[in-house]
Protein backbone atom coordinates (compact mmCIF):
# COMPACT_ATOMS: atom_id res chain seq x y z
CA MET A 1 -21.31 -53.62 -22.61
CA SER A 2 -22.46 -51.94 -19.38
CA ASP A 3 -24.74 -48.88 -19.27
CA GLU A 4 -21.90 -46.87 -17.71
CA THR A 5 -19.51 -47.71 -20.52
CA GLU A 6 -22.17 -46.85 -23.09
CA PHE A 7 -22.85 -43.56 -21.35
CA GLN A 8 -19.15 -42.71 -21.31
CA LYS A 9 -18.93 -43.58 -24.99
CA GLU A 10 -21.84 -41.28 -25.82
CA PHE A 11 -20.37 -38.49 -23.68
CA ARG A 12 -17.03 -38.70 -25.49
CA GLN A 13 -18.82 -38.54 -28.84
CA GLN A 14 -20.71 -35.45 -27.67
CA GLN A 15 -17.41 -33.84 -26.73
CA ILE A 16 -15.96 -34.58 -30.17
CA GLU A 17 -19.00 -33.08 -31.89
CA GLU A 18 -19.01 -30.04 -29.59
CA LYS A 19 -15.31 -29.47 -30.30
CA LYS A 20 -15.82 -29.75 -34.06
CA GLU A 21 -18.81 -27.41 -33.98
CA ASN A 22 -16.95 -24.73 -32.01
CA LEU A 23 -13.83 -24.91 -34.17
CA GLU A 24 -16.00 -24.41 -37.27
CA LYS A 25 -18.00 -21.65 -35.58
CA HIS A 26 -14.79 -19.73 -34.79
CA SER A 27 -13.01 -20.43 -38.07
CA LEU A 28 -12.57 -16.70 -38.82
CA LEU A 29 -11.14 -16.05 -35.34
CA ILE A 30 -8.70 -18.94 -35.82
CA HIS A 31 -7.72 -17.68 -39.27
CA ASN A 32 -7.07 -14.19 -37.91
CA PHE A 33 -4.96 -15.54 -35.06
CA ILE A 34 -2.90 -17.63 -37.50
CA ASN A 35 -2.18 -14.44 -39.44
CA PHE A 36 -1.42 -12.56 -36.22
CA CYS A 37 1.15 -15.21 -35.31
CA ALA A 38 2.60 -15.34 -38.84
CA GLU A 39 3.43 -11.64 -38.56
CA ARG A 40 5.61 -12.66 -35.59
CA GLU A 41 7.15 -15.58 -37.50
CA ILE A 42 5.13 -18.13 -35.49
CA ILE A 43 3.74 -20.73 -37.89
CA LEU A 44 0.41 -22.22 -36.81
CA THR A 45 -2.13 -24.39 -38.65
CA ILE A 46 -5.64 -25.53 -37.77
CA ASP A 47 -4.04 -28.49 -35.97
CA ASN A 48 -2.66 -26.08 -33.36
CA PHE A 49 -6.17 -25.20 -32.14
CA ASP A 50 -8.51 -26.93 -29.78
CA TYR A 51 -11.81 -26.25 -28.05
CA VAL A 52 -11.91 -27.06 -24.33
CA ARG A 53 -15.33 -26.71 -22.69
CA THR A 54 -13.91 -25.47 -19.36
CA ILE A 55 -11.56 -22.95 -21.01
CA GLY A 56 -12.66 -21.97 -24.50
CA LEU A 57 -10.82 -21.76 -27.82
CA VAL A 58 -7.15 -22.57 -27.30
CA ALA A 59 -4.07 -22.16 -29.48
CA LYS A 60 -1.18 -24.57 -28.75
CA HIS A 61 2.51 -24.27 -29.66
CA PRO A 62 5.75 -24.80 -27.70
CA ASN A 63 6.65 -21.65 -25.74
CA LEU A 64 3.81 -19.78 -27.43
CA VAL A 65 3.48 -17.10 -24.73
CA THR A 66 7.11 -16.00 -24.85
CA LEU A 67 7.13 -16.15 -28.63
CA LEU A 68 4.09 -13.84 -28.70
CA ASN A 69 5.60 -11.54 -26.09
CA PRO A 70 9.41 -11.67 -25.65
CA ARG A 71 9.06 -9.36 -22.62
CA ILE A 72 7.61 -12.29 -20.68
CA ILE A 73 10.72 -13.83 -19.12
CA VAL A 74 10.60 -17.25 -17.48
CA ASP A 75 13.24 -17.51 -14.76
CA LYS A 76 15.35 -20.53 -13.76
CA GLU A 77 12.53 -21.75 -11.51
CA GLU A 78 10.15 -21.62 -14.49
CA LEU A 79 8.24 -18.73 -12.87
CA VAL A 80 7.17 -15.35 -14.27
CA SER A 81 7.03 -12.13 -12.27
CA MET A 82 3.42 -11.09 -11.83
CA ASP A 83 4.57 -7.46 -11.95
CA ILE A 84 5.70 -8.04 -15.53
CA LEU A 85 2.49 -9.87 -16.41
CA GLU A 86 0.41 -7.01 -15.03
CA LYS A 87 2.40 -4.45 -17.01
CA GLU A 88 1.94 -6.39 -20.24
CA TYR A 89 -1.64 -7.56 -19.79
CA SER A 90 -4.82 -6.61 -17.96
CA LYS A 91 -6.86 -8.51 -15.39
CA GLU A 92 -10.61 -8.87 -14.96
CA GLN A 93 -12.31 -9.17 -11.59
CA PHE A 94 -14.13 -12.45 -12.29
CA ALA A 95 -11.44 -14.15 -14.38
CA SER A 96 -8.78 -15.27 -11.94
CA GLY A 97 -6.01 -17.22 -13.63
CA PHE A 98 -6.21 -15.22 -16.88
CA TYR A 99 -4.33 -12.22 -18.24
CA TYR A 100 -5.94 -10.33 -21.11
CA SER A 101 -4.56 -8.79 -24.28
CA GLU A 102 -6.40 -7.75 -27.43
CA LYS A 103 -5.73 -11.02 -29.28
CA TYR A 104 -5.24 -13.67 -26.61
CA MET A 105 -5.33 -14.55 -22.93
CA VAL A 106 -2.40 -15.92 -20.89
CA MET A 107 -3.37 -18.60 -18.35
CA ALA A 108 -1.93 -19.93 -15.08
CA HIS A 109 -0.23 -23.31 -15.27
CA PRO A 110 -2.42 -26.43 -15.73
CA TYR A 111 -1.15 -27.84 -12.43
CA PHE A 112 -3.37 -25.29 -10.70
CA ARG A 113 -6.37 -27.02 -12.28
CA ARG A 114 -8.40 -29.83 -10.71
CA GLY A 115 -6.40 -33.04 -10.65
CA HIS A 116 -3.47 -31.17 -12.30
CA TYR A 117 -5.27 -31.89 -15.61
CA GLU A 118 -5.03 -29.29 -18.40
CA GLU A 119 -8.68 -29.52 -19.48
CA ASN A 120 -10.18 -29.01 -16.02
CA ASN A 121 -11.20 -25.75 -14.41
CA PHE A 122 -8.91 -24.11 -11.84
CA ALA A 123 -9.19 -25.85 -8.47
CA PRO A 124 -11.01 -23.46 -6.12
CA ARG A 125 -10.07 -21.16 -4.59
CA PHE A 126 -6.31 -20.78 -4.48
CA ILE A 127 -5.88 -19.05 -7.84
CA ASN A 128 -8.62 -16.53 -7.02
CA ILE A 129 -7.02 -15.67 -3.65
CA PHE A 130 -3.46 -15.59 -4.98
CA TRP A 131 -4.51 -13.49 -7.98
CA ASN A 132 -5.96 -10.84 -5.66
CA PHE A 133 -3.29 -11.09 -2.95
CA ASN A 134 -1.85 -7.59 -3.36
CA LYS A 135 0.11 -6.17 -0.43
CA ASP A 136 2.75 -3.48 -0.19
CA ASN A 137 6.40 -4.56 -0.46
CA ILE A 138 5.82 -8.07 -1.79
CA GLU A 139 6.89 -9.69 -5.07
CA LYS A 140 4.75 -12.42 -6.61
CA TYR A 141 5.78 -15.04 -9.16
CA ILE A 142 3.69 -17.69 -10.87
CA SER A 143 4.04 -20.55 -13.31
CA ILE A 144 2.08 -19.97 -16.51
CA ASP A 145 0.65 -22.18 -19.25
CA SER A 146 3.57 -21.40 -21.58
CA ASP A 147 2.42 -23.53 -24.50
CA ARG A 148 -1.26 -22.48 -24.67
CA VAL A 149 -3.26 -19.27 -24.90
CA ARG A 150 -7.01 -18.72 -25.06
CA ILE A 151 -7.98 -16.72 -28.17
CA ASN A 152 -11.67 -16.00 -27.59
CA VAL A 153 -10.97 -12.88 -25.55
CA ASN A 154 -14.05 -12.21 -23.44
CA ASN A 155 -15.39 -12.71 -19.93
CA SER A 156 -17.28 -15.97 -20.55
CA MET A 157 -16.05 -18.38 -17.91
CA TYR A 158 -16.98 -21.95 -16.99
CA MET A 159 -17.99 -21.64 -13.34
CA GLU A 160 -17.73 -24.38 -10.71
CA PHE A 161 -19.19 -23.56 -7.33
CA ASP A 162 -17.05 -25.02 -4.59
CA THR A 163 -15.90 -23.52 -1.32
CA TRP A 164 -12.99 -24.37 0.94
CA TYR A 165 -12.70 -22.29 4.06
CA GLY A 166 -9.32 -21.38 5.49
CA ALA A 167 -8.48 -22.23 9.08
CA LYS A 168 -8.11 -19.59 11.80
CA PHE A 169 -4.73 -20.64 13.25
CA LYS A 170 -4.33 -18.25 16.17
CA ASN A 171 -1.07 -19.76 17.37
CA THR A 172 2.07 -17.61 17.47
CA ILE A 173 4.63 -18.88 14.96
CA VAL A 174 7.51 -18.12 17.30
CA ASP A 175 6.08 -20.50 19.89
CA ILE A 176 5.83 -23.48 17.53
CA GLU A 177 8.46 -26.07 18.39
CA ASP A 178 10.77 -27.43 15.73
CA GLY A 179 9.88 -30.94 14.68
CA ILE A 180 7.82 -33.14 12.41
CA VAL A 181 4.07 -33.78 12.24
CA LYS A 182 2.38 -36.46 10.15
CA LEU A 183 -1.40 -36.32 9.75
CA ARG A 184 -3.55 -39.14 8.36
CA PRO A 185 -7.31 -39.57 7.85
CA PRO A 186 -9.05 -41.63 10.57
CA LEU A 187 -7.96 -45.26 10.27
CA GLN A 188 -11.53 -46.65 10.30
CA LEU A 189 -12.34 -45.02 6.97
CA LEU A 190 -12.51 -46.99 3.73
CA GLU A 191 -10.69 -45.93 0.57
CA SER A 192 -13.94 -44.57 -0.87
CA ASP A 193 -14.45 -42.48 2.29
CA ILE A 194 -10.98 -40.99 1.99
CA GLY A 195 -11.72 -40.06 -1.60
CA PHE A 196 -15.01 -38.42 -0.66
CA PHE A 197 -14.13 -36.69 2.63
CA PHE A 198 -10.40 -36.06 2.21
CA GLY A 199 -9.95 -35.53 -1.54
CA ASN A 200 -7.89 -38.75 -1.81
CA THR A 201 -5.32 -37.43 0.67
CA TYR A 202 -3.17 -40.22 2.10
CA SER A 203 -1.15 -38.06 4.50
CA LEU A 204 0.06 -34.53 5.21
CA ASP A 205 3.67 -34.18 6.36
CA ILE A 206 4.78 -30.98 8.07
CA LYS A 207 8.18 -29.89 9.36
CA TRP A 208 9.35 -26.78 11.26
CA SER A 209 13.04 -25.96 11.69
CA SER A 210 14.89 -22.88 12.93
CA LYS A 211 18.22 -21.25 12.08
CA ASN A 212 19.65 -17.74 12.48
CA GLY A 213 16.33 -16.16 13.48
CA ILE A 214 14.35 -17.79 10.68
CA LYS A 215 11.71 -20.48 11.20
CA VAL A 216 11.29 -22.65 8.11
CA PHE A 217 8.00 -24.41 7.32
CA GLN A 218 7.74 -27.35 4.89
CA ALA A 219 4.74 -29.47 3.96
CA GLU A 220 4.14 -32.35 1.55
CA GLU A 221 0.65 -33.59 0.68
CA PHE A 222 0.58 -37.25 -0.40
CA LYS A 223 -2.47 -38.49 -2.30
CA THR A 224 -3.61 -42.12 -2.44
CA GLU A 225 -1.91 -44.40 -4.96
CA GLU A 226 -4.57 -44.06 -7.68
CA ILE A 227 -3.76 -40.34 -8.15
CA ARG A 228 -1.11 -40.18 -10.85
CA ILE A 229 0.02 -37.78 -13.54
CA SER A 230 1.88 -38.08 -16.83
CA LYS A 231 4.93 -35.85 -17.33
CA ASN A 232 7.34 -36.09 -20.24
CA GLY A 233 5.87 -39.46 -21.18
CA LYS A 234 6.38 -41.01 -17.73
CA GLU A 235 3.90 -41.66 -14.92
CA TYR A 236 4.43 -39.99 -11.54
CA TYR A 237 2.67 -39.56 -8.20
CA PRO A 238 2.14 -35.78 -7.75
CA VAL A 239 2.84 -34.43 -4.26
CA LYS A 240 2.08 -30.79 -3.44
CA TYR A 241 4.92 -29.08 -1.62
CA ILE A 242 4.95 -25.87 0.42
CA HIS A 243 7.97 -23.95 1.72
CA ALA A 244 7.90 -20.78 3.81
CA GLU A 245 10.33 -18.71 5.88
CA PHE A 246 9.20 -16.78 8.96
CA ASP A 247 11.37 -13.88 10.16
CA ILE A 248 11.17 -13.97 13.96
CA SER A 249 12.52 -10.43 14.40
CA VAL A 250 9.86 -8.92 12.11
CA GLY A 251 6.95 -11.24 13.00
CA THR A 252 5.96 -12.00 9.39
CA PHE A 253 6.84 -14.48 6.68
CA ARG A 254 9.50 -13.19 4.32
CA HIS A 255 9.14 -15.90 1.66
CA PHE A 256 6.47 -18.43 0.59
CA ASP A 257 6.36 -20.80 -2.38
CA GLY A 258 4.51 -23.84 -3.65
CA ALA A 259 5.49 -26.63 -6.01
CA ILE A 260 4.69 -30.11 -7.23
CA HIS A 261 7.09 -32.96 -6.42
CA PHE A 262 6.93 -35.82 -8.90
CA TYR A 263 7.56 -39.19 -7.22
CA THR A 264 8.21 -42.37 -9.18
CA GLU A 265 6.30 -45.43 -7.99
CA GLN A 266 9.34 -46.69 -6.04
CA GLU A 267 9.98 -43.29 -4.46
CA TYR A 268 6.32 -42.84 -3.56
CA TYR A 269 6.05 -46.11 -1.63
CA GLN A 270 9.43 -45.54 0.02
CA ARG A 271 8.51 -42.08 1.25
CA ARG A 272 4.76 -41.81 1.96
CA ASP A 273 4.82 -43.80 5.25
CA ASP A 274 8.02 -42.13 6.39
CA ASP A 275 8.62 -38.43 7.15
CA PHE A 276 10.67 -35.38 6.16
CA ASN A 277 13.79 -36.88 7.73
CA TYR A 278 13.77 -39.81 5.29
CA ASN A 279 17.04 -38.84 3.64
CA ASN A 280 18.72 -38.42 7.03
CA LYS A 281 17.72 -41.94 8.06
CA ASN A 282 18.28 -43.88 4.83
CA SER A 283 21.29 -44.54 2.65
CA LEU A 284 19.05 -44.42 -0.45
CA GLN A 285 18.57 -40.71 -0.99
CA LEU A 286 15.39 -39.42 -2.64
CA LYS A 287 15.64 -36.42 -4.96
CA THR A 288 12.42 -36.12 -6.91
CA LEU A 289 11.64 -34.03 -9.95
CA SER A 290 10.05 -30.74 -8.95
CA GLN A 291 8.17 -27.90 -10.60
CA LYS A 292 7.56 -24.64 -8.77
CA LEU A 293 4.12 -23.12 -9.27
CA PHE A 294 4.20 -19.84 -7.35
CA LYS A 295 6.41 -17.70 -5.13
CA VAL A 296 5.96 -14.67 -2.88
CA ASN A 297 8.83 -12.55 -1.54
CA GLY A 298 8.22 -9.81 1.03
CA LYS A 299 6.21 -9.40 4.22
CA VAL A 300 3.35 -11.90 4.37
CA GLU A 301 1.16 -11.75 7.47
CA VAL A 302 0.39 -15.00 9.28
CA GLU A 303 -3.34 -14.70 8.54
CA ASP A 304 -2.70 -14.29 4.80
CA TRP A 305 -0.22 -17.17 4.82
CA VAL A 306 -2.71 -19.49 6.52
CA THR A 307 -5.38 -18.61 3.96
CA LEU A 308 -3.07 -19.24 1.01
CA VAL A 309 -1.80 -22.55 2.45
CA SER A 310 -5.33 -23.73 3.20
CA HIS A 311 -6.54 -23.01 -0.32
CA TYR A 312 -3.45 -24.35 -2.05
CA LEU A 313 -4.27 -27.66 -0.33
CA SER A 314 -7.88 -27.32 -1.42
CA GLY A 315 -10.24 -30.09 -0.32
CA ASN A 316 -7.79 -31.50 2.26
CA PRO A 317 -9.27 -31.28 5.79
CA LEU A 318 -5.92 -32.38 7.27
CA ILE A 319 -4.49 -28.88 6.88
CA PHE A 320 -7.51 -27.58 8.78
CA GLU A 321 -6.82 -30.17 11.47
CA TYR A 322 -3.21 -28.99 11.72
CA PHE A 323 -4.12 -25.32 12.06
CA GLU A 324 -7.19 -25.80 14.26
CA GLY A 325 -6.27 -28.91 16.24
CA LYS A 326 -9.25 -30.87 14.92
CA LEU A 327 -11.01 -31.75 11.70
CA PRO A 328 -13.86 -29.48 10.49
CA ASP A 329 -17.08 -30.08 12.46
CA ASN A 330 -19.03 -31.14 9.37
CA ILE A 331 -16.41 -33.77 8.51
CA LEU A 332 -16.36 -35.09 12.07
CA GLU A 333 -20.15 -35.28 12.12
CA MET A 334 -20.34 -37.20 8.85
CA ILE A 335 -17.57 -39.62 9.88
CA GLU A 336 -19.32 -40.26 13.22
CA LYS A 337 -22.66 -40.98 11.52
CA LEU A 338 -21.01 -43.25 8.95
CA THR A 339 -19.07 -45.16 11.61
CA THR A 340 -22.24 -45.61 13.75
CA TYR A 341 -24.22 -46.79 10.75
CA ARG A 342 -21.57 -49.37 9.80
CA GLN A 343 -21.27 -50.63 13.37
CA ASN A 344 -25.02 -51.02 13.71
CA ASN A 345 -25.34 -52.60 10.28
CA HIS A 346 -22.51 -55.01 11.02
CA SER A 347 -24.06 -56.08 14.35
CA THR A 348 -27.38 -57.10 12.79
């Protein structure tokens, strides 16, 4: 058995012991929450509780949030109005992604977390920016963690320090020509380089189209083939999707939303090297599963839109390249040094 495997085994055992210790430590809190739910005819047992290091003490039950609070209405797109959430719960400045009540905390959907994994922290910094994106005359909607709530109601948060800067994008939207753009990491990079420098991004597909005074933006972010996710017992390739509508007469975006498209293995390999016009060019039509994660209706300034797009595609320098016309200087510098090193090393 390798040292790495032994280390992983020991780490898993530490996690099990930490979970057991915290569940025992908070046994009274769990008992009180069970009684709180019973008063609302929600039957929980100790098996409905878990301790997650990056989140805290969590209660799990199908549709738990709406059972606890029937005023929280999930619409047909599986989104909840943030106006309703803010009327029913409170927010704290340093706890983006959480809504507070006396007994529990509502959380943003797990697909906002790193790797779309429910036990990870929220991927910086989209949730923080979206949480605090408050402008006049806009309506915000978000997908929530409907089946889980955090029950240790306090401001203790697992912090991960990571920064992703938004691009400047000074271009005028009206002047952007309709058409398709496909961005890829530099071809000389190895798979490990793409994982390190580009967050495992295989390609970024962008499409602009215009109709009746509205310019429509679409983007799909394809990851490399090792990035997969389980949904309803099946394995998919998650692809982040962005849709936005720019009102030419007003000079602002009127609508903006983000989702995850779930590609099967066959769909993924059919689509990733093609473009947004795939269905127009092929008899085999692709219609993937999709889950919307957020939505904004109202006047969204170009600068705010660029910031939100950049951070929704966190860790992907290709969106910076699209907005700025080049990759970030630090990425270019590291790629140049790496390429030079490999060329010199190969020549010796």
